[in-house]
Structures are given as structure tokens and as C-alpha cells.
Amino acid sequence: MYKLLFPKDRIPYLGVWINEGGFKGEYNCALEPSNAFYDSVEIAKGYGKIKPLEAGEEQDWYVDVVLEELV
């Protein structure tokens, strides 16, 4: 079993990143926590589904990866 644990109050979305050779010819897929909804910053802004950081602002959060054997 594979679990990603992260603070949903700060990072409320989980994206799926899929690359089919468009970046350095690599093919991969990954789950990534995100503070925005949609694949476009402009669309996310339009729906009010993004929390941009202000200049000089910092945000701390974590990602824990848990791997468990299924029995």
C-alpha cells in the first residue's frame, strides 16, 4: 500500500503529473500535492482555487510517504 500524507489545510489538492516524453524525452507519472486546482494557474485564479505566495512569503509543509506490505 502506498500513502501520501500532507497537511490538507495548507495543500488541499493532489495532482497527477504525467509526462509522455515532452520533458527531456522522459516518460513518467507522479502524484504531487498542490495548492492549486486545475492545470493552469489562470484557470485556478478564475475559480478562486489557488493560494499564491506573496513576495518574500514562505510556507512550510511536509510530505510523508508510507509504504506498507499488503498481506
PDB file of N, CA and C in Angstrom:
ATOM      1  N   MET A   1       0.849  -1.168   0.000  1.00  0.00           N
ATOM      2  CA  MET A   1       0.000   0.000   0.000  1.00  0.00           C
ATOM      3  C   MET A   1       0.894   1.230   0.000  1.00  0.00           C
ATOM      4  N   TYR A   2       0.462   2.253  -0.688  1.00  0.00           N
ATOM      5  CA  TYR A   2       1.211   3.497  -0.851  1.00  0.00           C
ATOM      6  C   TYR A   2       0.332   4.636  -0.354  1.00  0.00           C
ATOM      7  N   LYS A   3       0.840   5.425   0.583  1.00  0.00           N
ATOM      8  CA  LYS A   3       0.090   6.571   1.098  1.00  0.00           C
ATOM      9  C   LYS A   3       0.960   7.809   1.040  1.00  0.00           C
ATOM     10  N   LEU A   4       0.352   8.939   0.676  1.00  0.00           N
ATOM     11  CA  LEU A   4       0.994  10.239   0.787  1.00  0.00           C
ATOM     12  C   LEU A   4       0.248  11.005   1.869  1.00  0.00           C
ATOM     13  N   LEU A   5       0.977  11.479   2.853  1.00  0.00           N
ATOM     14  CA  LEU A   5       0.382  12.252   3.938  1.00  0.00           C
ATOM     15  C   LEU A   5       0.936  13.667   3.875  1.00  0.00           C
ATOM     16  N   PHE A   6       0.046  14.655   3.867  1.00  0.00           N
ATOM     17  CA  PHE A   6       0.463  16.055   3.825  1.00  0.00           C
ATOM     18  C   PHE A   6      -0.648  16.893   4.452  1.00  0.00           C
ATOM     19  N   PRO A   7      -0.344  18.127   4.896  1.00  0.00           N
ATOM     20  CA  PRO A   7      -1.338  18.939   5.598  1.00  0.00           C
ATOM     21  C   PRO A   7      -2.396  19.504   4.632  1.00  0.00           C
ATOM     22  N   LYS A   8      -3.572  18.908   4.643  1.00  0.00           N
ATOM     23  CA  LYS A   8      -4.637  19.308   3.713  1.00  0.00           C
ATOM     24  C   LYS A   8      -5.120  20.737   3.933  1.00  0.00           C
ATOM     25  N   ASP A   9      -4.913  21.272   5.134  1.00  0.00           N
ATOM     26  CA  ASP A   9      -5.328  22.660   5.363  1.00  0.00           C
ATOM     27  C   ASP A   9      -4.423  23.650   4.623  1.00  0.00           C
ATOM     28  N   ARG A  10      -3.185  23.260   4.315  1.00  0.00           N
ATOM     29  CA  ARG A  10      -2.252  24.125   3.582  1.00  0.00           C
ATOM     30  C   ARG A  10      -2.123  23.737   2.114  1.00  0.00           C
ATOM     31  N   ILE A  11      -2.191  22.458   1.855  1.00  0.00           N
ATOM     32  CA  ILE A  11      -2.032  21.920   0.497  1.00  0.00           C
ATOM     33  C   ILE A  11      -3.258  21.046   0.226  1.00  0.00           C
ATOM     34  N   PRO A  12      -4.355  21.663  -0.238  1.00  0.00           N
ATOM     35  CA  PRO A  12      -5.627  20.937  -0.293  1.00  0.00           C
ATOM     36  C   PRO A  12      -5.853  20.021  -1.499  1.00  0.00           C
ATOM     37  N   TYR A  13      -4.950  20.007  -2.459  1.00  0.00           N
ATOM     38  CA  TYR A  13      -5.185  19.242  -3.675  1.00  0.00           C
ATOM     39  C   TYR A  13      -4.063  18.228  -3.921  1.00  0.00           C
ATOM     40  N   LEU A  14      -4.393  17.201  -4.662  1.00  0.00           N
ATOM     41  CA  LEU A  14      -3.407  16.214  -5.072  1.00  0.00           C
ATOM     42  C   LEU A  14      -3.492  16.090  -6.588  1.00  0.00           C
ATOM     43  N   GLY A  15      -2.398  16.438  -7.246  1.00  0.00           N
ATOM     44  CA  GLY A  15      -2.361  16.387  -8.703  1.00  0.00           C
ATOM     45  C   GLY A  15      -1.698  15.117  -9.197  1.00  0.00           C
ATOM     46  N   VAL A  16      -1.943  14.820 -10.454  1.00  0.00           N
ATOM     47  CA  VAL A  16      -1.279  13.708 -11.123  1.00  0.00           C
ATOM     48  C   VAL A  16      -0.457  14.310 -12.251  1.00  0.00           C
ATOM     49  N   TRP A  17       0.845  14.135 -12.173  1.00  0.00           N
ATOM     50  CA  TRP A  17       1.763  14.662 -13.167  1.00  0.00           C
ATOM     51  C   TRP A  17       2.104  13.521 -14.111  1.00  0.00           C
ATOM     52  N   ILE A  18       1.789  13.716 -15.382  1.00  0.00           N
ATOM     53  CA  ILE A  18       2.068  12.695 -16.395  1.00  0.00           C
ATOM     54  C   ILE A  18       2.904  13.337 -17.496  1.00  0.00           C
ATOM     55  N   ASN A  19       4.020  12.729 -17.818  1.00  0.00           N
ATOM     56  CA  ASN A  19       4.904  13.232 -18.855  1.00  0.00           C
ATOM     57  C   ASN A  19       5.097  12.128 -19.893  1.00  0.00           C
ATOM     58  N   GLU A  20       4.746  12.431 -21.127  1.00  0.00           N
ATOM     59  CA  GLU A  20       4.873  11.448 -22.202  1.00  0.00           C
ATOM     60  C   GLU A  20       5.960  11.858 -23.190  1.00  0.00           C
ATOM     61  N   GLY A  21       7.162  12.081 -22.637  1.00  0.00           N
ATOM     62  CA  GLY A  21       8.300  12.398 -23.482  1.00  0.00           C
ATOM     63  C   GLY A  21       8.494  13.880 -23.756  1.00  0.00           C
ATOM     64  N   GLY A  22       7.627  14.730 -23.234  1.00  0.00           N
ATOM     65  CA  GLY A  22       7.715  16.164 -23.506  1.00  0.00           C
ATOM     66  C   GLY A  22       8.809  16.884 -22.748  1.00  0.00           C
ATOM     67  N   PHE A  23       9.365  16.285 -21.718  1.00  0.00           N
ATOM     68  CA  PHE A  23      10.445  16.891 -20.951  1.00  0.00           C
ATOM     69  C   PHE A  23      11.661  15.987 -21.019  1.00  0.00           C
ATOM     70  N   LYS A  24      12.660  16.403 -21.755  1.00  0.00           N
ATOM     71  CA  LYS A  24      13.907  15.651 -21.908  1.00  0.00           C
ATOM     72  C   LYS A  24      13.685  14.224 -22.416  1.00  0.00           C
ATOM     73  N   GLY A  25      12.586  14.001 -23.111  1.00  0.00           N
ATOM     74  CA  GLY A  25      12.300  12.682 -23.652  1.00  0.00           C
ATOM     75  C   GLY A  25      11.904  11.646 -22.610  1.00  0.00           C
ATOM     76  N   GLU A  26      11.652  12.093 -21.389  1.00  0.00           N
ATOM     77  CA  GLU A  26      11.323  11.167 -20.296  1.00  0.00           C
ATOM     78  C   GLU A  26       9.836  10.845 -20.260  1.00  0.00           C
ATOM     79  N   TYR A  27       9.537   9.636 -19.819  1.00  0.00           N
ATOM     80  CA  TYR A  27       8.170   9.184 -19.614  1.00  0.00           C
ATOM     81  C   TYR A  27       8.026   8.846 -18.132  1.00  0.00           C
ATOM     82  N   ASN A  28       7.114   9.507 -17.442  1.00  0.00           N
ATOM     83  CA  ASN A  28       6.920   9.220 -16.029  1.00  0.00           C
ATOM     84  C   ASN A  28       5.550   9.694 -15.567  1.00  0.00           C
ATOM     85  N   CYS A  29       5.232   9.312 -14.363  1.00  0.00           N
ATOM     86  CA  CYS A  29       3.961   9.684 -13.745  1.00  0.00           C
ATOM     87  C   CYS A  29       4.218   9.835 -12.245  1.00  0.00           C
ATOM     88  N   ALA A  30       3.624  10.844 -11.628  1.00  0.00           N
ATOM     89  CA  ALA A  30       3.830  11.060 -10.194  1.00  0.00           C
ATOM     90  C   ALA A  30       2.607  11.732  -9.584  1.00  0.00           C
ATOM     91  N   LEU A  31       2.406  11.474  -8.314  1.00  0.00           N
ATOM     92  CA  LEU A  31       1.396  12.196  -7.542  1.00  0.00           C
ATOM     93  C   LEU A  31       2.099  13.364  -6.873  1.00  0.00           C
ATOM     94  N   GLU A  32       1.458  14.548  -6.865  1.00  0.00           N
ATOM     95  CA  GLU A  32       2.098  15.703  -6.257  1.00  0.00           C
ATOM     96  C   GLU A  32       1.075  16.579  -5.543  1.00  0.00           C
ATOM     97  N   PRO A  33       1.308  16.835  -4.254  1.00  0.00           N
ATOM     98  CA  PRO A  33       0.456  17.769  -3.529  1.00  0.00           C
ATOM     99  C   PRO A  33       0.544  19.159  -4.179  1.00  0.00           C
ATOM    100  N   SER A  34      -0.562  19.895  -4.121  1.00  0.00           N
ATOM    101  CA  SER A  34      -0.606  21.196  -4.788  1.00  0.00           C
ATOM    102  C   SER A  34      -1.509  22.164  -4.024  1.00  0.00           C
ATOM    103  N   ASN A  35      -1.239  23.451  -4.187  1.00  0.00           N
ATOM    104  CA  ASN A  35      -2.113  24.454  -3.582  1.00  0.00           C
ATOM    105  C   ASN A  35      -3.051  25.061  -4.618  1.00  0.00           C
ATOM    106  N   ALA A  36      -3.102  24.477  -5.806  1.00  0.00           N
ATOM    107  CA  ALA A  36      -3.981  24.994  -6.862  1.00  0.00           C
ATOM    108  C   ALA A  36      -4.782  23.866  -7.490  1.00  0.00           C
ATOM    109  N   PHE A  37      -5.933  24.238  -8.000  1.00  0.00           N
ATOM    110  CA  PHE A  37      -6.831  23.328  -8.685  1.00  0.00           C
ATOM    111  C   PHE A  37      -6.698  23.601 -10.178  1.00  0.00           C
ATOM    112  N   TYR A  38      -6.772  22.623 -11.012  1.00  0.00           N
ATOM    113  CA  TYR A  38      -6.617  22.714 -12.466  1.00  0.00           C
ATOM    114  C   TYR A  38      -5.144  22.707 -12.844  1.00  0.00           C
ATOM    115  N   ASP A  39      -4.884  22.559 -14.121  1.00  0.00           N
ATOM    116  CA  ASP A  39      -3.523  22.501 -14.630  1.00  0.00           C
ATOM    117  C   ASP A  39      -2.998  23.880 -15.004  1.00  0.00           C
ATOM    118  N   SER A  40      -3.863  24.881 -14.990  1.00  0.00           N
ATOM    119  CA  SER A  40      -3.491  26.232 -15.389  1.00  0.00           C
ATOM    120  C   SER A  40      -3.646  27.185 -14.216  1.00  0.00           C
ATOM    121  N   VAL A  41      -2.619  27.983 -13.951  1.00  0.00           N
ATOM    122  CA  VAL A  41      -2.689  28.975 -12.879  1.00  0.00           C
ATOM    123  C   VAL A  41      -3.825  29.963 -13.160  1.00  0.00           C
ATOM    124  N   GLU A  42      -3.970  30.385 -14.406  1.00  0.00           N
ATOM    125  CA  GLU A  42      -5.014  31.364 -14.745  1.00  0.00           C
ATOM    126  C   GLU A  42      -6.421  30.797 -14.506  1.00  0.00           C
ATOM    127  N   ILE A  43      -6.641  29.537 -14.855  1.00  0.00           N
ATOM    128  CA  ILE A  43      -7.956  28.923 -14.607  1.00  0.00           C
ATOM    129  C   ILE A  43      -8.186  28.800 -13.110  1.00  0.00           C
ATOM    130  N   ALA A  44      -7.180  28.363 -12.371  1.00  0.00           N
ATOM    131  CA  ALA A  44      -7.310  28.244 -10.916  1.00  0.00           C
ATOM    132  C   ALA A  44      -7.635  29.599 -10.292  1.00  0.00           C
ATOM    133  N   LYS A  45      -6.962  30.667 -10.739  1.00  0.00           N
ATOM    134  CA  LYS A  45      -7.250  32.022 -10.231  1.00  0.00           C
ATOM    135  C   LYS A  45      -8.703  32.395 -10.508  1.00  0.00           C
ATOM    136  N   GLY A  46      -9.167  32.108 -11.717  1.00  0.00           N
ATOM    137  CA  GLY A  46     -10.539  32.444 -12.103  1.00  0.00           C
ATOM    138  C   GLY A  46     -11.587  31.791 -11.216  1.00  0.00           C
ATOM    139  N   TYR A  47     -11.309  30.602 -10.715  1.00  0.00           N
ATOM    140  CA  TYR A  47     -12.227  29.886  -9.837  1.00  0.00           C
ATOM    141  C   TYR A  47     -11.928  30.120  -8.362  1.00  0.00           C
ATOM    142  N   GLY A  48     -10.910  30.934  -8.062  1.00  0.00           N
ATOM    143  CA  GLY A  48     -10.536  31.179  -6.674  1.00  0.00           C
ATOM    144  C   GLY A  48      -9.995  29.943  -5.988  1.00  0.00           C
ATOM    145  N   LYS A  49      -9.327  29.087  -6.726  1.00  0.00           N
ATOM    146  CA  LYS A  49      -8.825  27.812  -6.208  1.00  0.00           C
ATOM    147  C   LYS A  49      -7.307  27.766  -6.181  1.00  0.00           C
ATOM    148  N   ILE A  50      -6.682  28.853  -5.727  1.00  0.00           N
ATOM    149  CA  ILE A  50      -5.227  28.894  -5.607  1.00  0.00           C
ATOM    150  C   ILE A  50      -4.870  29.843  -4.470  1.00  0.00           C
ATOM    151  N   LYS A  51      -3.776  29.540  -3.789  1.00  0.00           N
ATOM    152  CA  LYS A  51      -3.272  30.438  -2.763  1.00  0.00           C
ATOM    153  C   LYS A  51      -1.845  30.813  -3.139  1.00  0.00           C
ATOM    154  N   PRO A  52      -1.673  31.908  -3.881  1.00  0.00           N
ATOM    155  CA  PRO A  52      -0.317  32.304  -4.261  1.00  0.00           C
ATOM    156  C   PRO A  52       0.454  32.846  -3.055  1.00  0.00           C
ATOM    157  N   LEU A  53       1.762  32.695  -3.092  1.00  0.00           N
ATOM    158  CA  LEU A  53       2.608  33.266  -2.061  1.00  0.00           C
ATOM    159  C   LEU A  53       2.960  34.697  -2.442  1.00  0.00           C
ATOM    160  N   GLU A  54       2.971  35.566  -1.450  1.00  0.00           N
ATOM    161  CA  GLU A  54       3.378  36.940  -1.672  1.00  0.00           C
ATOM    162  C   GLU A  54       4.904  37.000  -1.748  1.00  0.00           C
ATOM    163  N   ALA A  55       5.448  38.084  -2.304  1.00  0.00           N
ATOM    164  CA  ALA A  55       6.899  38.248  -2.387  1.00  0.00           C
ATOM    165  C   ALA A  55       7.509  38.145  -0.991  1.00  0.00           C
ATOM    166  N   GLY A  56       8.495  37.293  -0.846  1.00  0.00           N
ATOM    167  CA  GLY A  56       9.168  37.102   0.433  1.00  0.00           C
ATOM    168  C   GLY A  56       8.454  36.173   1.403  1.00  0.00           C
ATOM    169  N   GLU A  57       7.234  35.768   1.085  1.00  0.00           N
ATOM    170  CA  GLU A  57       6.471  34.868   1.962  1.00  0.00           C
ATOM    171  C   GLU A  57       7.016  33.452   1.857  1.00  0.00           C
ATOM    172  N   GLU A  58       7.037  32.764   2.966  1.00  0.00           N
ATOM    173  CA  GLU A  58       7.451  31.365   2.990  1.00  0.00           C
ATOM    174  C   GLU A  58       6.305  30.504   3.486  1.00  0.00           C
ATOM    175  N   GLN A  59       6.302  29.269   3.067  1.00  0.00           N
ATOM    176  CA  GLN A  59       5.306  28.323   3.550  1.00  0.00           C
ATOM    177  C   GLN A  59       6.000  26.990   3.796  1.00  0.00           C
ATOM    178  N   ASP A  60       5.839  26.477   4.998  1.00  0.00           N
ATOM    179  CA  ASP A  60       6.412  25.183   5.350  1.00  0.00           C
ATOM    180  C   ASP A  60       5.310  24.139   5.386  1.00  0.00           C
ATOM    181  N   TRP A  61       5.602  22.980   4.826  1.00  0.00           N
ATOM    182  CA  TRP A  61       4.703  21.840   4.921  1.00  0.00           C
ATOM    183  C   TRP A  61       5.527  20.590   4.658  1.00  0.00           C
ATOM    184  N   TYR A  62       4.913  19.455   4.735  1.00  0.00           N
ATOM    185  CA  TYR A  62       5.642  18.199   4.650  1.00  0.00           C
ATOM    186  C   TYR A  62       4.908  17.232   3.736  1.00  0.00           C
ATOM    187  N   VAL A  63       5.639  16.227   3.299  1.00  0.00           N
ATOM    188  CA  VAL A  63       5.050  15.087   2.596  1.00  0.00           C
ATOM    189  C   VAL A  63       5.681  13.845   3.212  1.00  0.00           C
ATOM    190  N   ASP A  64       4.851  12.989   3.761  1.00  0.00           N
ATOM    191  CA  ASP A  64       5.319  11.699   4.274  1.00  0.00           C
ATOM    192  C   ASP A  64       4.858  10.625   3.299  1.00  0.00           C
ATOM    193  N   VAL A  65       5.768   9.761   2.911  1.00  0.00           N
ATOM    194  CA  VAL A  65       5.452   8.624   2.043  1.00  0.00           C
ATOM    195  C   VAL A  65       5.455   7.382   2.915  1.00  0.00           C
ATOM    196  N   VAL A  66       4.333   6.682   2.916  1.00  0.00           N
ATOM    197  CA  VAL A  66       4.183   5.460   3.725  1.00  0.00           C
ATOM    198  C   VAL A  66       4.008   4.289   2.778  1.00  0.00           C
ATOM    199  N   LEU A  67       4.870   3.310   2.918  1.00  0.00           N
ATOM    200  CA  LEU A  67       4.762   2.069   2.136  1.00  0.00           C
ATOM    201  C   LEU A  67       4.498   0.933   3.102  1.00  0.00           C
ATOM    202  N   GLU A  68       3.434   0.181   2.853  1.00  0.00           N
ATOM    203  CA  GLU A  68       3.072  -0.939   3.705  1.00  0.00           C
ATOM    204  C   GLU A  68       2.852  -2.173   2.845  1.00  0.00           C
ATOM    205  N   GLU A  69       3.318  -3.280   3.333  1.00  0.00           N
ATOM    206  CA  GLU A  69       3.109  -4.540   2.632  1.00  0.00           C
ATOM    207  C   GLU A  69       1.669  -4.995   2.826  1.00  0.00           C
ATOM    208  N   LEU A  70       1.015  -5.355   1.741  1.00  0.00           N
ATOM    209  CA  LEU A  70      -0.326  -5.914   1.828  1.00  0.00           C
ATOM    210  C   LEU A  70      -0.204  -7.414   2.112  1.00  0.00           C
ATOM    211  N   VAL A  71      -0.897  -7.850   3.100  1.00  0.00           N
ATOM    212  CA  VAL A  71      -0.801  -9.271   3.492  1.00  0.00           C
ATOM    213  C   VAL A  71      -2.075  -9.986   3.111  1.00  0.00           C
TER     214      VAL A  71
END
